[in-house]
Amino acid sequence: RVPEDAEDLEVIHQVAFPGDAGTLFAHQARPRHAEPLPGILVIHENRGLNDHIRDVTRRAARAGFVAVGLDLLSRFGGTPDDPEEALRLYQQTTADGRLADMLSAVDYLQHLTMVQGHQIGAVGFCAGGGNCWQLALHTEALAAAVAFYGAPVPPVDGLDTLASPVLAIYAELD
């Protein structure tokens, strides 16, 4: 774990930026006193932007990125503390709404002066892996994407629209 108050990082627990349907929230972290760095969008599972994903966001920052862990439950006021309530809210989101929010987050990253705008990546876990696939299929702004065991996996003939490399990790014994 990387603590939220890690001395080597600049962490903002909740940043806010505009999205198509209103304000979006995210957990943001980057190495302290760093030159502009590549950006990475961290996409959570179906339980929302929880402590684990905030920690993953800080780990990405420690690895040398400006990391933004987007809260895909922003349309509901943000991820609640109760994981079952977060799941219930996530199930009310739509693929189109999640895609719009992720595209807004990529745009946010591209316009941060601390980010090398042409170097944006995305990583998603579980439901976030499926969302990561959708993002990669619908934008040319990504330099790379990594989907961890996310569904739906696009059909092979749908991969023609990919503009960036995608690493897909689907463990047999996971």
N, C-alpha and C. Protein backbone atom coordinates (compact mmCIF):
# COMPACT_ATOMS: atom_id res chain seq x y z
N ARG A 1 0.84 -1.19 0.00
CA ARG A 1 0.00 0.00 0.00
C ARG A 1 0.87 1.24 0.00
N VAL A 2 0.37 2.26 -0.65
CA VAL A 2 1.02 3.57 -0.64
C VAL A 2 0.10 4.50 0.14
N PRO A 3 0.56 5.01 1.27
CA PRO A 3 -0.31 5.86 2.08
C PRO A 3 -0.68 7.16 1.37
N GLU A 4 -1.85 7.65 1.70
CA GLU A 4 -2.33 8.89 1.09
C GLU A 4 -1.42 10.07 1.44
N ASP A 5 -0.74 9.99 2.56
CA ASP A 5 0.15 11.08 2.96
C ASP A 5 1.62 10.78 2.66
N ALA A 6 1.89 9.93 1.68
CA ALA A 6 3.26 9.60 1.30
C ALA A 6 4.02 10.87 0.95
N GLU A 7 5.19 11.03 1.53
CA GLU A 7 5.96 12.27 1.35
C GLU A 7 6.46 12.46 -0.07
N ASP A 8 6.61 11.37 -0.82
CA ASP A 8 7.13 11.49 -2.19
C ASP A 8 6.04 11.79 -3.22
N LEU A 9 4.80 11.85 -2.79
CA LEU A 9 3.68 12.07 -3.71
C LEU A 9 2.90 13.32 -3.37
N GLU A 10 2.31 13.90 -4.38
CA GLU A 10 1.32 14.96 -4.21
C GLU A 10 -0.03 14.30 -4.50
N VAL A 11 -0.86 14.17 -3.49
CA VAL A 11 -2.13 13.46 -3.60
C VAL A 11 -3.28 14.42 -3.35
N ILE A 12 -4.25 14.38 -4.24
CA ILE A 12 -5.48 15.14 -4.04
C ILE A 12 -6.60 14.11 -3.91
N HIS A 13 -7.16 14.01 -2.74
CA HIS A 13 -8.16 12.97 -2.48
C HIS A 13 -9.33 13.05 -3.46
N GLN A 14 -9.81 14.24 -3.73
CA GLN A 14 -10.93 14.37 -4.66
C GLN A 14 -10.77 15.62 -5.50
N VAL A 15 -10.47 15.41 -6.78
CA VAL A 15 -10.50 16.51 -7.73
C VAL A 15 -11.85 16.47 -8.42
N ALA A 16 -12.26 17.59 -8.94
CA ALA A 16 -13.52 17.70 -9.67
C ALA A 16 -13.25 18.37 -11.00
N PHE A 17 -13.89 17.86 -12.05
CA PHE A 17 -13.76 18.44 -13.38
C PHE A 17 -15.06 18.16 -14.14
N PRO A 18 -15.30 18.93 -15.20
CA PRO A 18 -16.58 18.79 -15.90
C PRO A 18 -16.69 17.52 -16.74
N GLY A 19 -17.91 16.99 -16.75
CA GLY A 19 -18.26 15.86 -17.60
C GLY A 19 -19.53 16.19 -18.34
N ASP A 20 -19.93 15.35 -19.26
CA ASP A 20 -21.14 15.58 -20.06
C ASP A 20 -22.40 15.72 -19.21
N ALA A 21 -22.47 14.94 -18.12
CA ALA A 21 -23.68 14.95 -17.30
C ALA A 21 -23.50 15.68 -15.99
N GLY A 22 -22.40 16.41 -15.85
CA GLY A 22 -22.16 17.14 -14.61
C GLY A 22 -20.74 16.93 -14.13
N THR A 23 -20.52 17.29 -12.90
CA THR A 23 -19.18 17.23 -12.32
C THR A 23 -18.74 15.78 -12.11
N LEU A 24 -17.49 15.51 -12.48
CA LEU A 24 -16.88 14.21 -12.25
C LEU A 24 -15.86 14.35 -11.12
N PHE A 25 -15.72 13.28 -10.34
CA PHE A 25 -14.78 13.24 -9.23
C PHE A 25 -13.71 12.19 -9.50
N ALA A 26 -12.53 12.42 -8.94
CA ALA A 26 -11.44 11.46 -9.10
C ALA A 26 -10.45 11.62 -7.96
N HIS A 27 -9.67 10.58 -7.76
CA HIS A 27 -8.53 10.59 -6.85
C HIS A 27 -7.31 10.82 -7.74
N GLN A 28 -6.47 11.78 -7.39
CA GLN A 28 -5.35 12.15 -8.26
C GLN A 28 -4.05 12.10 -7.47
N ALA A 29 -3.01 11.57 -8.10
CA ALA A 29 -1.71 11.51 -7.45
C ALA A 29 -0.61 11.62 -8.50
N ARG A 30 0.52 12.18 -8.06
CA ARG A 30 1.70 12.28 -8.92
C ARG A 30 2.93 12.40 -8.05
N PRO A 31 4.09 12.10 -8.62
CA PRO A 31 5.31 12.30 -7.84
C PRO A 31 5.50 13.78 -7.53
N ARG A 32 5.90 14.06 -6.31
CA ARG A 32 6.12 15.45 -5.89
C ARG A 32 7.33 16.03 -6.63
N HIS A 33 7.21 17.28 -7.05
CA HIS A 33 8.30 18.03 -7.70
C HIS A 33 8.77 17.38 -9.01
N ALA A 34 7.91 16.74 -9.74
CA ALA A 34 8.30 16.08 -10.99
C ALA A 34 8.05 16.99 -12.18
N GLU A 35 8.83 16.80 -13.21
CA GLU A 35 8.58 17.44 -14.50
C GLU A 35 7.30 16.82 -15.07
N PRO A 36 6.76 17.37 -16.16
CA PRO A 36 5.59 16.74 -16.76
C PRO A 36 5.85 15.25 -17.06
N LEU A 37 4.86 14.46 -16.73
CA LEU A 37 4.94 13.00 -16.84
C LEU A 37 3.80 12.46 -17.68
N PRO A 38 3.91 11.21 -18.12
CA PRO A 38 2.75 10.58 -18.77
C PRO A 38 1.58 10.50 -17.78
N GLY A 39 0.39 10.52 -18.30
CA GLY A 39 -0.81 10.38 -17.46
C GLY A 39 -1.40 9.00 -17.60
N ILE A 40 -2.08 8.56 -16.57
CA ILE A 40 -2.77 7.27 -16.62
C ILE A 40 -4.12 7.39 -15.94
N LEU A 41 -5.12 6.87 -16.61
CA LEU A 41 -6.48 6.81 -16.07
C LEU A 41 -6.67 5.44 -15.44
N VAL A 42 -7.02 5.42 -14.16
CA VAL A 42 -7.27 4.17 -13.44
C VAL A 42 -8.78 3.99 -13.36
N ILE A 43 -9.26 2.85 -13.87
CA ILE A 43 -10.71 2.60 -13.98
C ILE A 43 -11.09 1.48 -13.00
N HIS A 44 -11.98 1.80 -12.09
CA HIS A 44 -12.33 0.88 -11.00
C HIS A 44 -13.28 -0.23 -11.42
N GLU A 45 -13.40 -1.19 -10.49
CA GLU A 45 -14.34 -2.30 -10.64
C GLU A 45 -15.77 -1.80 -10.40
N ASN A 46 -16.70 -2.74 -10.29
CA ASN A 46 -18.10 -2.37 -10.11
C ASN A 46 -18.45 -1.95 -8.69
N ARG A 47 -17.46 -1.81 -7.83
CA ARG A 47 -17.69 -1.35 -6.45
C ARG A 47 -17.28 0.10 -6.26
N GLY A 48 -16.97 0.77 -7.35
CA GLY A 48 -16.68 2.20 -7.27
C GLY A 48 -15.24 2.52 -6.93
N LEU A 49 -15.01 3.79 -6.73
CA LEU A 49 -13.69 4.30 -6.39
C LEU A 49 -13.47 4.08 -4.90
N ASN A 50 -13.01 2.89 -4.57
CA ASN A 50 -12.83 2.50 -3.17
C ASN A 50 -11.38 2.67 -2.73
N ASP A 51 -11.07 2.30 -1.50
CA ASP A 51 -9.71 2.47 -0.97
C ASP A 51 -8.68 1.73 -1.82
N HIS A 52 -9.03 0.54 -2.29
CA HIS A 52 -8.08 -0.24 -3.09
C HIS A 52 -7.70 0.50 -4.38
N ILE A 53 -8.68 1.04 -5.08
CA ILE A 53 -8.40 1.73 -6.34
C ILE A 53 -7.68 3.05 -6.09
N ARG A 54 -8.00 3.71 -5.00
CA ARG A 54 -7.22 4.91 -4.66
C ARG A 54 -5.76 4.53 -4.40
N ASP A 55 -5.53 3.39 -3.75
CA ASP A 55 -4.17 2.91 -3.53
C ASP A 55 -3.50 2.57 -4.86
N VAL A 56 -4.19 1.92 -5.76
CA VAL A 56 -3.63 1.61 -7.09
C VAL A 56 -3.25 2.92 -7.80
N THR A 57 -4.07 3.94 -7.65
CA THR A 57 -3.78 5.24 -8.26
C THR A 57 -2.49 5.81 -7.69
N ARG A 58 -2.30 5.71 -6.39
CA ARG A 58 -1.06 6.20 -5.78
C ARG A 58 0.14 5.34 -6.19
N ARG A 59 -0.08 4.03 -6.37
CA ARG A 59 1.02 3.17 -6.85
C ARG A 59 1.44 3.58 -8.25
N ALA A 60 0.48 3.91 -9.10
CA ALA A 60 0.80 4.36 -10.45
C ALA A 60 1.59 5.66 -10.40
N ALA A 61 1.23 6.54 -9.47
CA ALA A 61 1.99 7.79 -9.31
C ALA A 61 3.41 7.49 -8.86
N ARG A 62 3.55 6.59 -7.94
CA ARG A 62 4.89 6.23 -7.47
C ARG A 62 5.72 5.61 -8.59
N ALA A 63 5.06 5.01 -9.57
CA ALA A 63 5.76 4.42 -10.72
C ALA A 63 6.11 5.46 -11.78
N GLY A 64 5.73 6.73 -11.56
CA GLY A 64 6.15 7.79 -12.47
C GLY A 64 5.08 8.34 -13.38
N PHE A 65 3.84 8.27 -12.95
CA PHE A 65 2.73 8.79 -13.75
C PHE A 65 1.96 9.86 -12.97
N VAL A 66 1.27 10.70 -13.71
CA VAL A 66 0.20 11.51 -13.13
C VAL A 66 -1.02 10.60 -13.23
N ALA A 67 -1.50 10.13 -12.11
CA ALA A 67 -2.56 9.12 -12.09
C ALA A 67 -3.88 9.72 -11.63
N VAL A 68 -4.93 9.38 -12.35
CA VAL A 68 -6.28 9.84 -12.02
C VAL A 68 -7.18 8.62 -11.92
N GLY A 69 -7.68 8.36 -10.71
CA GLY A 69 -8.64 7.29 -10.49
C GLY A 69 -10.03 7.88 -10.58
N LEU A 70 -10.67 7.70 -11.72
CA LEU A 70 -11.99 8.28 -11.99
C LEU A 70 -13.07 7.57 -11.18
N ASP A 71 -14.01 8.33 -10.66
CA ASP A 71 -15.17 7.77 -9.96
C ASP A 71 -16.34 7.71 -10.94
N LEU A 72 -16.60 6.51 -11.46
CA LEU A 72 -17.70 6.34 -12.41
C LEU A 72 -19.07 6.40 -11.75
N LEU A 73 -19.08 6.65 -10.45
CA LEU A 73 -20.35 6.87 -9.74
C LEU A 73 -20.55 8.35 -9.42
N SER A 74 -19.78 9.20 -10.08
CA SER A 74 -19.90 10.65 -9.88
C SER A 74 -21.31 11.14 -10.15
N ARG A 75 -21.99 10.54 -11.11
CA ARG A 75 -23.35 10.96 -11.45
C ARG A 75 -24.33 10.75 -10.30
N PHE A 76 -23.92 9.93 -9.33
CA PHE A 76 -24.74 9.67 -8.14
C PHE A 76 -24.18 10.37 -6.92
N GLY A 77 -23.25 11.30 -7.12
CA GLY A 77 -22.63 12.01 -6.01
C GLY A 77 -21.33 11.39 -5.54
N GLY A 78 -20.89 10.31 -6.18
CA GLY A 78 -19.64 9.64 -5.81
C GLY A 78 -19.89 8.30 -5.16
N THR A 79 -18.81 7.55 -5.00
CA THR A 79 -18.90 6.21 -4.44
C THR A 79 -19.25 6.26 -2.95
N PRO A 80 -20.32 5.56 -2.55
CA PRO A 80 -20.66 5.50 -1.13
C PRO A 80 -19.70 4.56 -0.39
N ASP A 81 -19.67 4.64 0.94
CA ASP A 81 -18.81 3.78 1.74
C ASP A 81 -19.23 2.31 1.68
N ASP A 82 -20.52 2.06 1.55
CA ASP A 82 -21.04 0.68 1.53
C ASP A 82 -20.81 0.06 0.15
N PRO A 83 -19.99 -1.01 0.05
CA PRO A 83 -19.71 -1.61 -1.26
C PRO A 83 -20.95 -2.18 -1.95
N GLU A 84 -21.91 -2.65 -1.19
CA GLU A 84 -23.14 -3.18 -1.81
C GLU A 84 -23.96 -2.05 -2.43
N GLU A 85 -23.98 -0.91 -1.77
CA GLU A 85 -24.67 0.26 -2.33
C GLU A 85 -23.93 0.74 -3.57
N ALA A 86 -22.60 0.70 -3.52
CA ALA A 86 -21.81 1.10 -4.70
C ALA A 86 -22.13 0.18 -5.88
N LEU A 87 -22.22 -1.12 -5.63
CA LEU A 87 -22.57 -2.07 -6.69
C LEU A 87 -23.95 -1.76 -7.25
N ARG A 88 -24.91 -1.49 -6.36
CA ARG A 88 -26.27 -1.17 -6.82
C ARG A 88 -26.25 0.07 -7.72
N LEU A 89 -25.49 1.07 -7.34
CA LEU A 89 -25.40 2.29 -8.16
C LEU A 89 -24.68 2.01 -9.47
N TYR A 90 -23.61 1.24 -9.42
CA TYR A 90 -22.88 0.92 -10.65
C TYR A 90 -23.80 0.23 -11.65
N GLN A 91 -24.66 -0.64 -11.16
CA GLN A 91 -25.59 -1.35 -12.04
C GLN A 91 -26.60 -0.42 -12.69
N GLN A 92 -26.72 0.81 -12.19
CA GLN A 92 -27.60 1.80 -12.79
C GLN A 92 -26.89 2.66 -13.83
N THR A 93 -25.57 2.52 -13.94
CA THR A 93 -24.84 3.27 -14.95
C THR A 93 -25.06 2.62 -16.31
N THR A 94 -24.75 3.36 -17.36
CA THR A 94 -24.87 2.80 -18.71
C THR A 94 -23.49 2.80 -19.37
N ALA A 95 -23.33 1.94 -20.35
CA ALA A 95 -22.06 1.89 -21.09
C ALA A 95 -21.77 3.24 -21.74
N ASP A 96 -22.79 3.87 -22.31
CA ASP A 96 -22.58 5.18 -22.94
C ASP A 96 -22.19 6.24 -21.92
N GLY A 97 -22.81 6.23 -20.76
CA GLY A 97 -22.48 7.20 -19.72
C GLY A 97 -21.08 7.00 -19.20
N ARG A 98 -20.70 5.73 -18.97
CA ARG A 98 -19.34 5.45 -18.49
C ARG A 98 -18.31 5.88 -19.54
N LEU A 99 -18.58 5.60 -20.81
CA LEU A 99 -17.65 6.00 -21.87
C LEU A 99 -17.51 7.52 -21.91
N ALA A 100 -18.61 8.23 -21.82
CA ALA A 100 -18.56 9.70 -21.83
C ALA A 100 -17.73 10.22 -20.66
N ASP A 101 -17.90 9.61 -19.48
CA ASP A 101 -17.14 10.05 -18.31
C ASP A 101 -15.65 9.74 -18.47
N MET A 102 -15.32 8.58 -19.03
CA MET A 102 -13.92 8.24 -19.25
C MET A 102 -13.29 9.17 -20.28
N LEU A 103 -14.02 9.50 -21.33
CA LEU A 103 -13.49 10.43 -22.33
C LEU A 103 -13.27 11.81 -21.72
N SER A 104 -14.16 12.22 -20.82
CA SER A 104 -13.96 13.50 -20.11
C SER A 104 -12.72 13.44 -19.23
N ALA A 105 -12.47 12.29 -18.61
CA ALA A 105 -11.28 12.15 -17.76
C ALA A 105 -10.01 12.18 -18.60
N VAL A 106 -10.03 11.57 -19.77
CA VAL A 106 -8.87 11.63 -20.67
C VAL A 106 -8.62 13.08 -21.08
N ASP A 107 -9.69 13.79 -21.40
CA ASP A 107 -9.56 15.20 -21.77
C ASP A 107 -8.98 16.00 -20.59
N TYR A 108 -9.46 15.73 -19.39
CA TYR A 108 -8.93 16.38 -18.19
C TYR A 108 -7.43 16.15 -18.07
N LEU A 109 -7.00 14.90 -18.21
CA LEU A 109 -5.58 14.57 -18.14
C LEU A 109 -4.78 15.30 -19.21
N GLN A 110 -5.30 15.33 -20.43
CA GLN A 110 -4.59 15.96 -21.53
C GLN A 110 -4.36 17.45 -21.31
N HIS A 111 -5.21 18.07 -20.53
CA HIS A 111 -5.11 19.51 -20.31
C HIS A 111 -4.39 19.90 -19.02
N LEU A 112 -3.92 18.93 -18.26
CA LEU A 112 -3.13 19.24 -17.07
C LEU A 112 -1.71 19.58 -17.52
N THR A 113 -1.19 20.71 -17.04
CA THR A 113 0.16 21.12 -17.45
C THR A 113 1.21 20.14 -16.94
N MET A 114 0.91 19.37 -15.91
CA MET A 114 1.86 18.41 -15.37
C MET A 114 1.89 17.10 -16.14
N VAL A 115 1.04 16.98 -17.19
CA VAL A 115 0.95 15.75 -17.98
C VAL A 115 1.48 16.00 -19.38
N GLN A 116 2.28 15.06 -19.84
CA GLN A 116 2.67 15.04 -21.24
C GLN A 116 1.43 14.59 -22.01
N GLY A 117 0.70 15.54 -22.59
CA GLY A 117 -0.62 15.28 -23.16
C GLY A 117 -0.71 14.18 -24.18
N HIS A 118 0.35 13.94 -24.89
CA HIS A 118 0.32 12.88 -25.90
C HIS A 118 0.62 11.52 -25.31
N GLN A 119 0.87 11.45 -24.03
CA GLN A 119 1.22 10.20 -23.36
C GLN A 119 0.19 9.87 -22.28
N ILE A 120 -0.96 9.39 -22.71
CA ILE A 120 -2.03 9.03 -21.78
C ILE A 120 -2.30 7.53 -21.93
N GLY A 121 -2.36 6.84 -20.81
CA GLY A 121 -2.71 5.43 -20.81
C GLY A 121 -3.93 5.20 -19.95
N ALA A 122 -4.42 3.98 -19.98
CA ALA A 122 -5.57 3.60 -19.15
C ALA A 122 -5.36 2.18 -18.66
N VAL A 123 -5.82 1.93 -17.44
CA VAL A 123 -5.80 0.59 -16.87
C VAL A 123 -7.12 0.38 -16.15
N GLY A 124 -7.70 -0.80 -16.34
CA GLY A 124 -8.98 -1.09 -15.69
C GLY A 124 -9.02 -2.50 -15.14
N PHE A 125 -9.78 -2.67 -14.08
CA PHE A 125 -9.86 -3.93 -13.38
C PHE A 125 -11.30 -4.44 -13.33
N CYS A 126 -11.49 -5.71 -13.68
CA CYS A 126 -12.81 -6.35 -13.65
C CYS A 126 -13.78 -5.57 -14.54
N ALA A 127 -14.85 -5.03 -13.99
CA ALA A 127 -15.75 -4.21 -14.82
C ALA A 127 -14.97 -3.06 -15.45
N GLY A 128 -13.97 -2.56 -14.74
CA GLY A 128 -13.11 -1.51 -15.27
C GLY A 128 -12.28 -1.99 -16.45
N GLY A 129 -11.97 -3.28 -16.49
CA GLY A 129 -11.27 -3.84 -17.65
C GLY A 129 -12.15 -3.77 -18.89
N GLY A 130 -13.43 -4.10 -18.73
CA GLY A 130 -14.37 -3.95 -19.84
C GLY A 130 -14.51 -2.51 -20.26
N ASN A 131 -14.57 -1.61 -19.28
CA ASN A 131 -14.64 -0.18 -19.59
C ASN A 131 -13.37 0.29 -20.28
N CYS A 132 -12.23 -0.25 -19.88
CA CYS A 132 -10.96 0.10 -20.51
C CYS A 132 -10.97 -0.30 -21.98
N TRP A 133 -11.50 -1.49 -22.28
CA TRP A 133 -11.66 -1.91 -23.68
C TRP A 133 -12.52 -0.91 -24.44
N GLN A 134 -13.64 -0.53 -23.87
CA GLN A 134 -14.53 0.41 -24.56
C GLN A 134 -13.85 1.74 -24.82
N LEU A 135 -13.10 2.22 -23.85
CA LEU A 135 -12.37 3.46 -24.03
C LEU A 135 -11.36 3.33 -25.16
N ALA A 136 -10.60 2.25 -25.15
CA ALA A 136 -9.58 2.04 -26.19
C ALA A 136 -10.20 1.96 -27.58
N LEU A 137 -11.40 1.42 -27.67
CA LEU A 137 -12.08 1.29 -28.96
C LEU A 137 -12.68 2.61 -29.45
N HIS A 138 -12.80 3.59 -28.55
CA HIS A 138 -13.52 4.82 -28.91
C HIS A 138 -12.70 6.10 -28.82
N THR A 139 -11.39 5.98 -28.70
CA THR A 139 -10.57 7.19 -28.70
C THR A 139 -9.20 6.89 -29.31
N GLU A 140 -8.66 7.89 -29.92
CA GLU A 140 -7.29 7.80 -30.43
C GLU A 140 -6.31 8.47 -29.47
N ALA A 141 -6.80 8.92 -28.33
CA ALA A 141 -5.98 9.68 -27.39
C ALA A 141 -5.08 8.81 -26.52
N LEU A 142 -5.32 7.51 -26.48
CA LEU A 142 -4.53 6.65 -25.61
C LEU A 142 -3.25 6.18 -26.29
N ALA A 143 -2.17 6.21 -25.53
CA ALA A 143 -0.91 5.64 -26.01
C ALA A 143 -0.89 4.14 -25.74
N ALA A 144 -1.64 3.69 -24.73
CA ALA A 144 -1.72 2.27 -24.38
C ALA A 144 -2.88 2.06 -23.41
N ALA A 145 -3.35 0.81 -23.35
CA ALA A 145 -4.40 0.45 -22.40
C ALA A 145 -4.12 -0.96 -21.88
N VAL A 146 -4.49 -1.19 -20.62
CA VAL A 146 -4.32 -2.51 -20.01
C VAL A 146 -5.64 -2.89 -19.35
N ALA A 147 -6.22 -3.98 -19.81
CA ALA A 147 -7.48 -4.49 -19.26
C ALA A 147 -7.19 -5.74 -18.44
N PHE A 148 -7.53 -5.68 -17.16
CA PHE A 148 -7.40 -6.84 -16.30
C PHE A 148 -8.75 -7.52 -16.19
N TYR A 149 -8.89 -8.67 -16.82
CA TYR A 149 -10.04 -9.57 -16.76
C TYR A 149 -11.39 -8.88 -16.88
N GLY A 150 -11.52 -7.99 -17.81
CA GLY A 150 -12.78 -7.26 -17.97
C GLY A 150 -13.63 -7.78 -19.11
N ALA A 151 -14.90 -7.70 -18.93
CA ALA A 151 -15.86 -8.06 -19.97
C ALA A 151 -16.74 -6.84 -20.21
N PRO A 152 -17.27 -6.69 -21.40
CA PRO A 152 -17.16 -7.62 -22.51
C PRO A 152 -15.86 -7.41 -23.29
N VAL A 153 -15.31 -8.54 -23.75
CA VAL A 153 -14.15 -8.49 -24.64
C VAL A 153 -14.70 -8.25 -26.04
N PRO A 154 -14.15 -7.29 -26.76
CA PRO A 154 -14.68 -7.02 -28.10
C PRO A 154 -14.40 -8.19 -29.04
N PRO A 155 -15.29 -8.40 -30.00
CA PRO A 155 -15.03 -9.45 -30.99
C PRO A 155 -13.82 -9.07 -31.84
N VAL A 156 -13.17 -10.07 -32.39
CA VAL A 156 -11.95 -9.83 -33.16
C VAL A 156 -12.18 -8.83 -34.28
N ASP A 157 -13.33 -8.91 -34.97
CA ASP A 157 -13.56 -7.97 -36.07
C ASP A 157 -13.82 -6.55 -35.57
N GLY A 158 -14.05 -6.38 -34.28
CA GLY A 158 -14.23 -5.06 -33.71
C GLY A 158 -12.93 -4.38 -33.32
N LEU A 159 -11.83 -5.12 -33.39
CA LEU A 159 -10.55 -4.57 -32.99
C LEU A 159 -9.94 -3.66 -34.05
N ASP A 160 -10.54 -3.60 -35.21
CA ASP A 160 -10.02 -2.73 -36.28
C ASP A 160 -10.01 -1.26 -35.89
N THR A 161 -10.83 -0.88 -34.94
CA THR A 161 -10.89 0.54 -34.55
C THR A 161 -9.86 0.91 -33.49
N LEU A 162 -9.11 -0.06 -33.01
CA LEU A 162 -8.11 0.25 -31.99
C LEU A 162 -7.02 1.14 -32.57
N ALA A 163 -6.73 2.23 -31.88
CA ALA A 163 -5.67 3.14 -32.31
C ALA A 163 -4.45 3.01 -31.41
N SER A 164 -4.57 2.24 -30.33
CA SER A 164 -3.45 2.10 -29.39
C SER A 164 -3.27 0.62 -29.05
N PRO A 165 -2.08 0.26 -28.60
CA PRO A 165 -1.89 -1.12 -28.16
C PRO A 165 -2.67 -1.39 -26.88
N VAL A 166 -3.16 -2.62 -26.76
CA VAL A 166 -3.90 -3.04 -25.56
C VAL A 166 -3.26 -4.33 -25.05
N LEU A 167 -2.96 -4.35 -23.77
CA LEU A 167 -2.52 -5.56 -23.10
C LEU A 167 -3.72 -6.06 -22.31
N ALA A 168 -4.17 -7.28 -22.61
CA ALA A 168 -5.33 -7.86 -21.93
C ALA A 168 -4.86 -9.03 -21.07
N ILE A 169 -5.16 -8.98 -19.79
CA ILE A 169 -4.70 -9.98 -18.85
C ILE A 169 -5.92 -10.73 -18.32
N TYR A 170 -6.01 -12.01 -18.70
CA TYR A 170 -7.11 -12.87 -18.30
C TYR A 170 -6.50 -14.15 -17.75
N ALA A 171 -6.28 -14.22 -16.45
CA ALA A 171 -5.62 -15.34 -15.82
C ALA A 171 -6.54 -16.56 -15.78
N GLU A 172 -5.97 -17.71 -16.13
CA GLU A 172 -6.75 -18.95 -16.15
C GLU A 172 -7.23 -19.36 -14.77
N LEU A 173 -6.41 -19.14 -13.76
CA LEU A 173 -6.74 -19.60 -12.41
C LEU A 173 -7.11 -18.45 -11.48
N ASP A 174 -7.52 -17.32 -12.02
CA ASP A 174 -7.86 -16.15 -11.21
C ASP A 174 -9.15 -16.39 -10.46
